[in-house]
Amino acid sequence: MRIDTTTKVEAFTIYDDSSRLDPVLVLLQDFGAGRGRFIVECYGDVWTTYWGAMGDDQSLKGFILGCGNDYIVNRMFGQHHKRNKSATAYLTRIIESVKAALQELQPVGKNG
């Protein structure tokens, strides 16, 4: 068994009354060299995805901000979530909140 305790995970929680969502927990695990894991939890539901090829010099934050919401939503549904119109709309609202929070956290003039 190999356990890596040096892996860096950035975590934050979004409290946004305007989006009418429960608090959203966001975990970003940027492995560098164009690889990263993205995990989102809201009201007990969890969505996750991993990208193994985002471009060599792009951070996970920059990659997420540059992707369309539909692409991220489709990646995060995976095989374990029921896809229907309301579930897609719900996850899209969550991704919009996450991207807005990432914009606020990103230093001005930086691409990630």
Protein backbone atom coordinates (compact mmCIF):
# COMPACT_ATOMS: atom_id res chain seq x y z
CA MET A 1 0.00 0.00 0.00
CA ARG A 2 1.23 3.49 -0.86
CA ILE A 3 -0.12 6.51 1.00
CA ASP A 4 0.81 10.02 -0.17
CA THR A 5 0.43 12.63 2.56
CA THR A 6 2.01 15.38 0.47
CA THR A 7 -0.90 15.72 -1.98
CA LYS A 8 -2.27 19.25 -1.77
CA VAL A 9 -6.03 19.74 -1.72
CA GLU A 10 -7.60 23.18 -1.86
CA ALA A 11 -11.00 23.27 -0.21
CA PHE A 12 -13.58 25.99 0.26
CA THR A 13 -17.30 26.29 0.96
CA ILE A 14 -19.65 28.58 -0.93
CA TYR A 15 -22.49 30.23 0.98
CA ASP A 16 -24.49 32.10 -1.65
CA ASP A 17 -28.08 33.02 -0.86
CA SER A 18 -28.60 34.44 -4.35
CA SER A 19 -28.13 31.01 -5.96
CA ARG A 20 -30.69 29.46 -3.59
CA LEU A 21 -28.35 26.52 -2.95
CA ASP A 22 -27.35 24.89 0.28
CA PRO A 23 -23.66 25.39 1.14
CA VAL A 24 -21.43 23.94 -1.58
CA LEU A 25 -18.16 22.26 -0.57
CA VAL A 26 -15.50 22.36 -3.30
CA LEU A 27 -12.30 20.30 -3.34
CA LEU A 28 -9.61 20.91 -5.94
CA GLN A 29 -6.70 18.51 -6.18
CA ASP A 30 -4.21 19.90 -8.70
CA PHE A 31 -1.59 17.27 -9.51
CA GLY A 32 0.33 19.63 -11.81
CA ALA A 33 1.39 18.91 -15.40
CA GLY A 34 -2.21 19.18 -16.66
CA ARG A 35 -3.85 16.73 -14.25
CA GLY A 36 -6.41 17.32 -11.52
CA ARG A 37 -9.42 16.11 -9.57
CA PHE A 38 -12.57 18.17 -8.94
CA ILE A 39 -15.06 17.22 -6.21
CA VAL A 40 -18.27 19.10 -5.32
CA GLU A 41 -20.72 18.33 -2.50
CA CYS A 42 -24.09 19.98 -1.90
CA TYR A 43 -26.80 18.77 0.46
CA GLY A 44 -25.30 15.29 0.71
CA ASP A 45 -24.90 14.74 -3.03
CA VAL A 46 -21.37 14.45 -4.38
CA TRP A 47 -20.09 14.83 -7.93
CA THR A 48 -16.52 14.23 -8.99
CA THR A 49 -14.35 14.06 -12.07
CA TYR A 50 -10.69 13.70 -12.93
CA TRP A 51 -8.82 15.18 -15.86
CA GLY A 52 -5.57 13.54 -16.91
CA ALA A 53 -4.81 15.90 -19.79
CA MET A 54 -5.77 19.57 -19.34
CA GLY A 55 -2.77 21.07 -21.11
CA ASP A 56 0.74 21.17 -19.75
CA ASP A 57 0.81 24.62 -18.19
CA GLN A 58 -2.79 25.02 -17.11
CA SER A 59 -3.92 24.83 -13.50
CA LEU A 60 -7.10 23.02 -12.49
CA LYS A 61 -8.76 26.35 -11.60
CA GLY A 62 -7.87 27.87 -14.94
CA PHE A 63 -9.08 24.80 -16.77
CA ILE A 64 -12.45 24.78 -14.99
CA LEU A 65 -12.93 28.49 -15.64
CA GLY A 66 -12.18 27.97 -19.32
CA CYS A 67 -14.59 25.05 -19.82
CA GLY A 68 -18.25 25.35 -20.67
CA ASN A 69 -20.74 24.48 -17.95
CA ASP A 70 -22.30 21.72 -20.08
CA TYR A 71 -18.94 19.98 -20.48
CA ILE A 72 -18.24 20.02 -16.73
CA VAL A 73 -21.77 18.90 -15.84
CA ASN A 74 -21.56 15.97 -18.27
CA ARG A 75 -18.17 14.94 -16.86
CA MET A 76 -19.39 15.13 -13.27
CA PHE A 77 -22.53 13.06 -13.80
CA GLY A 78 -20.46 10.01 -14.62
CA GLN A 79 -22.26 6.69 -14.33
CA HIS A 80 -23.58 6.99 -10.79
CA HIS A 81 -26.05 9.85 -11.06
CA LYS A 82 -29.52 9.85 -12.53
CA ARG A 83 -29.65 12.30 -15.43
CA ASN A 84 -32.84 14.19 -16.02
CA LYS A 85 -33.74 17.79 -16.75
CA SER A 86 -34.03 18.89 -13.10
CA ALA A 87 -30.82 17.11 -11.99
CA THR A 88 -28.92 18.69 -14.88
CA ALA A 89 -30.30 22.16 -14.04
CA TYR A 90 -29.40 21.67 -10.35
CA LEU A 91 -25.80 20.66 -11.08
CA THR A 92 -25.48 23.48 -13.62
CA ARG A 93 -26.47 26.01 -10.91
CA ILE A 94 -23.85 24.48 -8.62
CA ILE A 95 -21.14 24.67 -11.30
CA GLU A 96 -22.09 28.31 -12.03
CA SER A 97 -21.63 29.10 -8.30
CA VAL A 98 -18.30 27.28 -8.22
CA LYS A 99 -17.03 29.17 -11.26
CA ALA A 100 -18.15 32.50 -9.77
CA ALA A 101 -16.29 31.65 -6.55
CA LEU A 102 -13.17 30.64 -8.51
CA GLN A 103 -13.31 34.00 -10.32
CA GLU A 104 -13.40 35.78 -6.97
CA LEU A 105 -10.52 33.71 -5.59
CA GLN A 106 -8.35 34.14 -8.69
CA PRO A 107 -5.88 37.02 -8.52
CA VAL A 108 -6.54 39.78 -11.04
CA GLY A 109 -4.64 39.25 -14.30
CA LYS A 110 -3.84 35.57 -13.62
CA ASN A 111 -4.90 32.63 -15.77
CA GLY A 112 -4.71 30.14 -12.98
